PDB file of N, CA and C in Angstrom:
ATOM      1  N   UNK A   1       0.849  -1.180   0.000  1.00  0.00           N
ATOM      2  CA  UNK A   1       0.000   0.000   0.000  1.00  0.00           C
ATOM      3  C   UNK A   1       0.891   1.238   0.000  1.00  0.00           C
ATOM      4  N   UNK A   2       0.527   2.187  -0.798  1.00  0.00           N
ATOM      5  CA  UNK A   2       1.202   3.482  -0.800  1.00  0.00           C
ATOM      6  C   UNK A   2       0.140   4.574  -0.773  1.00  0.00           C
ATOM      7  N   UNK A   3       0.533   5.717  -0.291  1.00  0.00           N
ATOM      8  CA  UNK A   3      -0.326   6.892  -0.267  1.00  0.00           C
ATOM      9  C   UNK A   3       0.263   7.880  -1.277  1.00  0.00           C
ATOM     10  N   UNK A   4      -0.212   7.837  -2.538  1.00  0.00           N
ATOM     11  CA  UNK A   4       0.349   8.719  -3.568  1.00  0.00           C
ATOM     12  C   UNK A   4       0.273  10.186  -3.162  1.00  0.00           C
ATOM     13  N   UNK A   5       1.371  10.885  -3.364  1.00  0.00           N
ATOM     14  CA  UNK A   5       1.431  12.308  -3.022  1.00  0.00           C
ATOM     15  C   UNK A   5       1.765  12.593  -1.574  1.00  0.00           C
ATOM     16  N   UNK A   6       1.871  11.551  -0.751  1.00  0.00           N
ATOM     17  CA  UNK A   6       2.142  11.783   0.670  1.00  0.00           C
ATOM     18  C   UNK A   6       3.524  12.400   0.885  1.00  0.00           C
ATOM     19  N   UNK A   7       4.455  12.214  -0.052  1.00  0.00           N
ATOM     20  CA  UNK A   7       5.770  12.830   0.097  1.00  0.00           C
ATOM     21  C   UNK A   7       5.662  14.356   0.051  1.00  0.00           C
ATOM     22  N   UNK A   8       4.734  14.879  -0.732  1.00  0.00           N
ATOM     23  CA  UNK A   8       4.537  16.336  -0.777  1.00  0.00           C
ATOM     24  C   UNK A   8       3.871  16.825   0.511  1.00  0.00           C
ATOM     25  N   UNK A   9       2.942  16.027   1.024  1.00  0.00           N
ATOM     26  CA  UNK A   9       2.319  16.355   2.304  1.00  0.00           C
ATOM     27  C   UNK A   9       3.380  16.434   3.402  1.00  0.00           C
ATOM     28  N   UNK A  10       4.264  15.409   3.455  1.00  0.00           N
ATOM     29  CA  UNK A  10       5.295  15.388   4.495  1.00  0.00           C
ATOM     30  C   UNK A  10       6.352  16.466   4.282  1.00  0.00           C
ATOM     31  N   UNK A  11       6.616  16.852   3.047  1.00  0.00           N
ATOM     32  CA  UNK A  11       7.553  17.954   2.791  1.00  0.00           C
ATOM     33  C   UNK A  11       7.042  19.216   3.483  1.00  0.00           C
ATOM     34  N   UNK A  12       5.785  19.542   3.266  1.00  0.00           N
ATOM     35  CA  UNK A  12       5.193  20.724   3.899  1.00  0.00           C
ATOM     36  C   UNK A  12       5.160  20.566   5.418  1.00  0.00           C
ATOM     37  N   UNK A  13       4.847  19.369   5.886  1.00  0.00           N
ATOM     38  CA  UNK A  13       4.781  19.090   7.326  1.00  0.00           C
ATOM     39  C   UNK A  13       6.140  19.325   7.981  1.00  0.00           C
ATOM     40  N   UNK A  14       7.207  18.769   7.395  1.00  0.00           N
ATOM     41  CA  UNK A  14       8.542  18.916   7.985  1.00  0.00           C
ATOM     42  C   UNK A  14       9.087  20.325   7.842  1.00  0.00           C
ATOM     43  N   UNK A  15       8.647  21.053   6.833  1.00  0.00           N
ATOM     44  CA  UNK A  15       9.039  22.465   6.737  1.00  0.00           C
ATOM     45  C   UNK A  15       8.429  23.260   7.888  1.00  0.00           C
ATOM     46  N   UNK A  16       7.216  22.896   8.303  1.00  0.00           N
ATOM     47  CA  UNK A  16       6.557  23.570   9.431  1.00  0.00           C
ATOM     48  C   UNK A  16       7.119  23.116  10.765  1.00  0.00           C
ATOM     49  N   UNK A  17       7.244  21.801  10.968  1.00  0.00           N
ATOM     50  CA  UNK A  17       7.589  21.203  12.266  1.00  0.00           C
ATOM     51  C   UNK A  17       9.095  21.051  12.456  1.00  0.00           C
ATOM     52  N   UNK A  18       9.811  20.796  11.364  1.00  0.00           N
ATOM     53  CA  UNK A  18      11.234  20.499  11.446  1.00  0.00           C
ATOM     54  C   UNK A  18      11.464  18.998  11.329  1.00  0.00           C
ATOM     55  N   UNK A  19      12.609  18.604  10.806  1.00  0.00           N
ATOM     56  CA  UNK A  19      12.890  17.180  10.591  1.00  0.00           C
ATOM     57  C   UNK A  19      13.345  16.471  11.866  1.00  0.00           C
ATOM     58  N   UNK A  20      13.667  17.203  12.914  1.00  0.00           N
ATOM     59  CA  UNK A  20      14.116  16.561  14.157  1.00  0.00           C
ATOM     60  C   UNK A  20      13.037  15.734  14.830  1.00  0.00           C
ATOM     61  N   UNK A  21      11.779  15.928  14.424  1.00  0.00           N
ATOM     62  CA  UNK A  21      10.688  15.126  14.980  1.00  0.00           C
ATOM     63  C   UNK A  21      10.885  13.652  14.629  1.00  0.00           C
ATOM     64  N   UNK A  22      11.692  13.343  13.626  1.00  0.00           N
ATOM     65  CA  UNK A  22      11.937  11.955  13.213  1.00  0.00           C
ATOM     66  C   UNK A  22      12.916  11.219  14.114  1.00  0.00           C
ATOM     67  N   UNK A  23      13.521  11.909  15.069  1.00  0.00           N
ATOM     68  CA  UNK A  23      14.454  11.262  15.986  1.00  0.00           C
ATOM     69  C   UNK A  23      13.726  10.220  16.829  1.00  0.00           C
ATOM     70  N   UNK A  24      12.491  10.479  17.169  1.00  0.00           N
ATOM     71  CA  UNK A  24      11.687   9.517  17.932  1.00  0.00           C
ATOM     72  C   UNK A  24      10.907   8.629  16.981  1.00  0.00           C
ATOM     73  N   UNK A  25       9.679   8.378  17.312  1.00  0.00           N
ATOM     74  CA  UNK A  25       8.822   7.572  16.453  1.00  0.00           C
ATOM     75  C   UNK A  25       8.178   8.455  15.385  1.00  0.00           C
ATOM     76  N   UNK A  26       7.673   7.824  14.354  1.00  0.00           N
ATOM     77  CA  UNK A  26       7.008   8.569  13.282  1.00  0.00           C
ATOM     78  C   UNK A  26       5.809   9.312  13.863  1.00  0.00           C
ATOM     79  N   UNK A  27       5.699  10.614  13.588  1.00  0.00           N
ATOM     80  CA  UNK A  27       4.579  11.388  14.130  1.00  0.00           C
ATOM     81  C   UNK A  27       3.243  10.874  13.593  1.00  0.00           C
ATOM     82  N   UNK A  28       2.226  10.919  14.425  1.00  0.00           N
ATOM     83  CA  UNK A  28       0.879  10.517  14.031  1.00  0.00           C
ATOM     84  C   UNK A  28       0.170  11.731  13.443  1.00  0.00           C
ATOM     85  N   UNK A  29      -0.078  11.692  12.155  1.00  0.00           N
ATOM     86  CA  UNK A  29      -0.730  12.813  11.470  1.00  0.00           C
ATOM     87  C   UNK A  29      -1.885  12.276  10.628  1.00  0.00           C
ATOM     88  N   UNK A  30      -2.836  13.136  10.336  1.00  0.00           N
ATOM     89  CA  UNK A  30      -3.956  12.773   9.464  1.00  0.00           C
ATOM     90  C   UNK A  30      -3.535  12.988   8.017  1.00  0.00           C
ATOM     91  N   UNK A  31      -3.436  11.902   7.277  1.00  0.00           N
ATOM     92  CA  UNK A  31      -3.018  11.958   5.877  1.00  0.00           C
ATOM     93  C   UNK A  31      -4.254  12.253   5.027  1.00  0.00           C
ATOM     94  N   UNK A  32      -4.215  13.304   4.200  1.00  0.00           N
ATOM     95  CA  UNK A  32      -5.404  13.678   3.428  1.00  0.00           C
ATOM     96  C   UNK A  32      -5.666  12.794   2.199  1.00  0.00           C
ATOM     97  N   UNK A  33      -4.725  11.921   1.831  1.00  0.00           N
ATOM     98  CA  UNK A  33      -4.938  11.092   0.651  1.00  0.00           C
ATOM     99  C   UNK A  33      -5.273   9.653   1.039  1.00  0.00           C
ATOM    100  N   UNK A  34      -5.872   8.933   0.106  1.00  0.00           N
ATOM    101  CA  UNK A  34      -6.278   7.542   0.342  1.00  0.00           C
ATOM    102  C   UNK A  34      -5.163   6.593  -0.115  1.00  0.00           C
ATOM    103  N   UNK A  35      -5.020   5.437   0.557  1.00  0.00           N
ATOM    104  CA  UNK A  35      -4.007   4.473   0.146  1.00  0.00           C
ATOM    105  C   UNK A  35      -4.414   3.741  -1.134  1.00  0.00           C
ATOM    106  N   UNK A  36      -3.397   3.294  -1.864  1.00  0.00           N
ATOM    107  CA  UNK A  36      -3.590   2.536  -3.100  1.00  0.00           C
ATOM    108  C   UNK A  36      -2.769   1.260  -2.988  1.00  0.00           C
ATOM    109  N   UNK A  37      -3.353   0.131  -3.354  1.00  0.00           N
ATOM    110  CA  UNK A  37      -2.605  -1.118  -3.335  1.00  0.00           C
ATOM    111  C   UNK A  37      -1.719  -1.182  -4.577  1.00  0.00           C
ATOM    112  N   UNK A  38      -0.460  -1.489  -4.373  1.00  0.00           N
ATOM    113  CA  UNK A  38       0.483  -1.630  -5.476  1.00  0.00           C
ATOM    114  C   UNK A  38       0.371  -3.061  -5.996  1.00  0.00           C
ATOM    115  N   UNK A  39       0.049  -3.195  -7.255  1.00  0.00           N
ATOM    116  CA  UNK A  39      -0.037  -4.519  -7.876  1.00  0.00           C
ATOM    117  C   UNK A  39       0.928  -4.546  -9.053  1.00  0.00           C
ATOM    118  N   UNK A  40       1.974  -5.288  -8.903  1.00  0.00           N
ATOM    119  CA  UNK A  40       3.006  -5.389  -9.928  1.00  0.00           C
ATOM    120  C   UNK A  40       3.163  -6.835 -10.351  1.00  0.00           C
ATOM    121  N   UNK A  41       3.909  -7.041 -11.409  1.00  0.00           N
ATOM    122  CA  UNK A  41       4.196  -8.390 -11.886  1.00  0.00           C
ATOM    123  C   UNK A  41       5.558  -8.834 -11.395  1.00  0.00           C
ATOM    124  N   UNK A  42       5.794 -10.148 -11.429  1.00  0.00           N
ATOM    125  CA  UNK A  42       7.095 -10.690 -11.022  1.00  0.00           C
ATOM    126  C   UNK A  42       8.205 -10.008 -11.816  1.00  0.00           C
ATOM    127  N   UNK A  43       9.242  -9.578 -11.099  1.00  0.00           N
ATOM    128  CA  UNK A  43      10.382  -8.919 -11.728  1.00  0.00           C
ATOM    129  C   UNK A  43      10.274  -7.420 -11.831  1.00  0.00           C
ATOM    130  N   UNK A  44       9.116  -6.850 -11.542  1.00  0.00           N
ATOM    131  CA  UNK A  44       8.960  -5.395 -11.582  1.00  0.00           C
ATOM    132  C   UNK A  44       9.716  -4.746 -10.437  1.00  0.00           C
ATOM    133  N   UNK A  45      10.100  -3.515 -10.646  1.00  0.00           N
ATOM    134  CA  UNK A  45      10.794  -2.731  -9.632  1.00  0.00           C
ATOM    135  C   UNK A  45       9.983  -1.456  -9.387  1.00  0.00           C
ATOM    136  N   UNK A  46       9.784  -1.121  -8.136  1.00  0.00           N
ATOM    137  CA  UNK A  46       9.096   0.117  -7.780  1.00  0.00           C
ATOM    138  C   UNK A  46      10.100   1.038  -7.100  1.00  0.00           C
ATOM    139  N   UNK A  47      10.214   2.249  -7.590  1.00  0.00           N
ATOM    140  CA  UNK A  47      11.071   3.266  -6.977  1.00  0.00           C
ATOM    141  C   UNK A  47      10.175   4.353  -6.407  1.00  0.00           C
ATOM    142  N   UNK A  48      10.476   4.788  -5.195  1.00  0.00           N
ATOM    143  CA  UNK A  48       9.637   5.791  -4.556  1.00  0.00           C
ATOM    144  C   UNK A  48      10.498   6.726  -3.723  1.00  0.00           C
ATOM    145  N   UNK A  49      10.028   7.941  -3.573  1.00  0.00           N
ATOM    146  CA  UNK A  49      10.661   8.889  -2.680  1.00  0.00           C
ATOM    147  C   UNK A  49      10.549   8.354  -1.259  1.00  0.00           C
ATOM    148  N   UNK A  50      11.564   8.556  -0.449  1.00  0.00           N
ATOM    149  CA  UNK A  50      11.567   7.979   0.892  1.00  0.00           C
ATOM    150  C   UNK A  50      10.528   8.581   1.822  1.00  0.00           C
ATOM    151  N   UNK A  51       9.908   9.682   1.469  1.00  0.00           N
ATOM    152  CA  UNK A  51       8.836  10.243   2.285  1.00  0.00           C
ATOM    153  C   UNK A  51       7.455   9.738   1.870  1.00  0.00           C
ATOM    154  N   UNK A  52       7.375   8.899   0.835  1.00  0.00           N
ATOM    155  CA  UNK A  52       6.068   8.353   0.453  1.00  0.00           C
ATOM    156  C   UNK A  52       5.632   7.372   1.541  1.00  0.00           C
ATOM    157  N   UNK A  53       4.488   7.641   2.116  1.00  0.00           N
ATOM    158  CA  UNK A  53       3.959   6.762   3.156  1.00  0.00           C
ATOM    159  C   UNK A  53       3.612   5.430   2.516  1.00  0.00           C
ATOM    160  N   UNK A  54       4.002   4.347   3.173  1.00  0.00           N
ATOM    161  CA  UNK A  54       3.770   3.011   2.634  1.00  0.00           C
ATOM    162  C   UNK A  54       3.572   2.036   3.784  1.00  0.00           C
ATOM    163  N   UNK A  55       2.986   0.918   3.470  1.00  0.00           N
ATOM    164  CA  UNK A  55       2.764  -0.093   4.492  1.00  0.00           C
ATOM    165  C   UNK A  55       2.506  -1.452   3.865  1.00  0.00           C
ATOM    166  N   UNK A  56       2.514  -2.460   4.690  1.00  0.00           N
ATOM    167  CA  UNK A  56       2.297  -3.824   4.222  1.00  0.00           C
ATOM    168  C   UNK A  56       0.799  -4.112   4.110  1.00  0.00           C
ATOM    169  N   UNK A  57       0.487  -5.073   3.283  1.00  0.00           N
ATOM    170  CA  UNK A  57      -0.880  -5.559   3.177  1.00  0.00           C
ATOM    171  C   UNK A  57      -0.810  -7.066   2.943  1.00  0.00           C
ATOM    172  N   UNK A  58      -1.888  -7.776   3.164  1.00  0.00           N
ATOM    173  CA  UNK A  58      -1.855  -9.233   2.999  1.00  0.00           C
ATOM    174  C   UNK A  58      -1.483  -9.645   1.579  1.00  0.00           C
ATOM    175  N   UNK A  59      -0.743 -10.742   1.463  1.00  0.00           N
ATOM    176  CA  UNK A  59      -0.371 -11.296   0.167  1.00  0.00           C
ATOM    177  C   UNK A  59      -1.325 -12.449  -0.134  1.00  0.00           C
ATOM    178  N   UNK A  60      -2.194 -12.264  -1.105  1.00  0.00           N
ATOM    179  CA  UNK A  60      -3.152 -13.314  -1.455  1.00  0.00           C
ATOM    180  C   UNK A  60      -2.664 -14.180  -2.619  1.00  0.00           C
ATOM    181  N   UNK A  61      -1.463 -13.899  -3.121  1.00  0.00           N
ATOM    182  CA  UNK A  61      -0.900 -14.687  -4.218  1.00  0.00           C
ATOM    183  C   UNK A  61      -0.277 -15.970  -3.677  1.00  0.00           C
ATOM    184  N   UNK A  62      -0.079 -16.925  -4.561  1.00  0.00           N
ATOM    185  CA  UNK A  62       0.561 -18.181  -4.175  1.00  0.00           C
ATOM    186  C   UNK A  62       2.067 -18.022  -3.956  1.00  0.00           C
ATOM    187  N   UNK A  63       2.660 -17.013  -4.565  1.00  0.00           N
ATOM    188  CA  UNK A  63       4.106 -16.814  -4.493  1.00  0.00           C
ATOM    189  C   UNK A  63       4.499 -15.911  -3.335  1.00  0.00           C
ATOM    190  N   UNK A  64       5.697 -16.137  -2.835  1.00  0.00           N
ATOM    191  CA  UNK A  64       6.253 -15.303  -1.767  1.00  0.00           C
ATOM    192  C   UNK A  64       6.709 -13.979  -2.381  1.00  0.00           C
ATOM    193  N   UNK A  65       6.451 -12.893  -1.661  1.00  0.00           N
ATOM    194  CA  UNK A  65       6.946 -11.578  -2.081  1.00  0.00           C
ATOM    195  C   UNK A  65       8.262 -11.304  -1.379  1.00  0.00           C
ATOM    196  N   UNK A  66       9.205 -10.787  -2.095  1.00  0.00           N
ATOM    197  CA  UNK A  66      10.476 -10.363  -1.508  1.00  0.00           C
ATOM    198  C   UNK A  66      10.608  -8.861  -1.718  1.00  0.00           C
ATOM    199  N   UNK A  67      11.131  -8.194  -0.721  1.00  0.00           N
ATOM    200  CA  UNK A  67      11.317  -6.750  -0.805  1.00  0.00           C
ATOM    201  C   UNK A  67      12.741  -6.403  -0.400  1.00  0.00           C
ATOM    202  N   UNK A  68      13.343  -5.528  -1.163  1.00  0.00           N
ATOM    203  CA  UNK A  68      14.648  -4.977  -0.820  1.00  0.00           C
ATOM    204  C   UNK A  68      14.454  -3.472  -0.704  1.00  0.00           C
ATOM    205  N   UNK A  69      14.728  -2.946   0.459  1.00  0.00           N
ATOM    206  CA  UNK A  69      14.592  -1.508   0.679  1.00  0.00           C
ATOM    207  C   UNK A  69      15.978  -0.936   0.902  1.00  0.00           C
ATOM    208  N   UNK A  70      16.298   0.088   0.171  1.00  0.00           N
ATOM    209  CA  UNK A  70      17.594   0.749   0.321  1.00  0.00           C
ATOM    210  C   UNK A  70      17.390   2.250   0.240  1.00  0.00           C
ATOM    211  N   UNK A  71      18.253   2.973   0.861  1.00  0.00           N
ATOM    212  CA  UNK A  71      18.225   4.440   0.796  1.00  0.00           C
ATOM    213  C   UNK A  71      19.535   4.907   0.199  1.00  0.00           C
ATOM    214  N   UNK A  72      19.430   5.597  -0.908  1.00  0.00           N
ATOM    215  CA  UNK A  72      20.617   6.151  -1.547  1.00  0.00           C
ATOM    216  C   UNK A  72      20.979   7.450  -0.850  1.00  0.00           C
ATOM    217  N   UNK A  73      22.275   7.708  -0.748  1.00  0.00           N
ATOM    218  CA  UNK A  73      22.697   8.974  -0.162  1.00  0.00           C
ATOM    219  C   UNK A  73      23.951   9.460  -0.856  1.00  0.00           C
ATOM    220  N   UNK A  74      24.090  10.744  -0.881  1.00  0.00           N
ATOM    221  CA  UNK A  74      25.238  11.382  -1.519  1.00  0.00           C
ATOM    222  C   UNK A  74      26.503  11.041  -0.740  1.00  0.00           C
ATOM    223  N   UNK A  75      27.612  10.844  -1.437  1.00  0.00           N
ATOM    224  CA  UNK A  75      28.867  10.469  -0.776  1.00  0.00           C
ATOM    225  C   UNK A  75      29.376  11.554   0.165  1.00  0.00           C
ATOM    226  N   UNK A  76      28.927  12.791  -0.006  1.00  0.00           N
ATOM    227  CA  UNK A  76      29.381  13.905   0.833  1.00  0.00           C
ATOM    228  C   UNK A  76      28.263  14.386   1.765  1.00  0.00           C
ATOM    229  N   UNK A  77      27.368  13.494   2.160  1.00  0.00           N
ATOM    230  CA  UNK A  77      26.212  13.882   2.967  1.00  0.00           C
ATOM    231  C   UNK A  77      26.604  14.466   4.324  1.00  0.00           C
ATOM    232  N   UNK A  78      27.698  13.997   4.886  1.00  0.00           N
ATOM    233  CA  UNK A  78      28.100  14.462   6.217  1.00  0.00           C
ATOM    234  C   UNK A  78      28.416  15.961   6.240  1.00  0.00           C
ATOM    235  N   UNK A  79      28.838  16.526   5.105  1.00  0.00           N
ATOM    236  CA  UNK A  79      29.161  17.952   5.080  1.00  0.00           C
ATOM    237  C   UNK A  79      27.964  18.816   4.693  1.00  0.00           C
ATOM    238  N   UNK A  80      26.806  18.207   4.493  1.00  0.00           N
ATOM    239  CA  UNK A  80      25.610  18.948   4.110  1.00  0.00           C
ATOM    240  C   UNK A  80      24.935  19.522   5.348  1.00  0.00           C
ATOM    241  N   UNK A  81      24.594  20.788   5.279  1.00  0.00           N
ATOM    242  CA  UNK A  81      23.850  21.431   6.357  1.00  0.00           C
ATOM    243  C   UNK A  81      22.374  21.119   6.147  1.00  0.00           C
ATOM    244  N   UNK A  82      21.853  20.138   6.871  1.00  0.00           N
ATOM    245  CA  UNK A  82      20.485  19.693   6.655  1.00  0.00           C
ATOM    246  C   UNK A  82      19.454  20.751   7.022  1.00  0.00           C
ATOM    247  N   UNK A  83      19.827  21.719   7.836  1.00  0.00           N
ATOM    248  CA  UNK A  83      18.895  22.778   8.187  1.00  0.00           C
ATOM    249  C   UNK A  83      18.658  23.752   7.042  1.00  0.00           C
ATOM    250  N   UNK A  84      19.602  23.835   6.112  1.00  0.00           N
ATOM    251  CA  UNK A  84      19.462  24.759   5.000  1.00  0.00           C
ATOM    252  C   UNK A  84      19.316  24.036   3.663  1.00  0.00           C
ATOM    253  N   UNK A  85      19.521  22.727   3.646  1.00  0.00           N
ATOM    254  CA  UNK A  85      19.392  21.973   2.395  1.00  0.00           C
ATOM    255  C   UNK A  85      17.933  21.947   1.972  1.00  0.00           C
ATOM    256  N   UNK A  86      17.716  22.037   0.691  1.00  0.00           N
ATOM    257  CA  UNK A  86      16.371  22.026   0.162  1.00  0.00           C
ATOM    258  C   UNK A  86      16.333  21.110  -1.059  1.00  0.00           C
ATOM    259  N   UNK A  87      15.443  20.164  -1.032  1.00  0.00           N
ATOM    260  CA  UNK A  87      15.265  19.278  -2.177  1.00  0.00           C
ATOM    261  C   UNK A  87      13.812  19.450  -2.615  1.00  0.00           C
ATOM    262  N   UNK A  88      13.629  19.857  -3.854  1.00  0.00           N
ATOM    263  CA  UNK A  88      12.286  20.053  -4.370  1.00  0.00           C
ATOM    264  C   UNK A  88      11.719  18.699  -4.762  1.00  0.00           C
ATOM    265  N   UNK A  89      10.649  18.299  -4.099  1.00  0.00           N
ATOM    266  CA  UNK A  89      10.033  17.013  -4.425  1.00  0.00           C
ATOM    267  C   UNK A  89       8.743  17.258  -5.112  1.00  0.00           C
TER     268      UNK A  89
END
């Protein structure tokens, strides 16, 4: 399940609240969009922005689903001032 457009919602949310709220647990917020079930075929790859809200749902297929989640980061991320960095999503 994914909530399309939720990355834009969270962009505005973190601009208001600040990203330090992520140090604890994920904040409980009312998401204005509805979830959509992702239905792909074997071998498909889904790429998503890391702020896209997502969650698990039951697998009704006969085959096992495998998921690999990775986060790409710039090799010089440590020198980035995250308080002033801006990424347009």
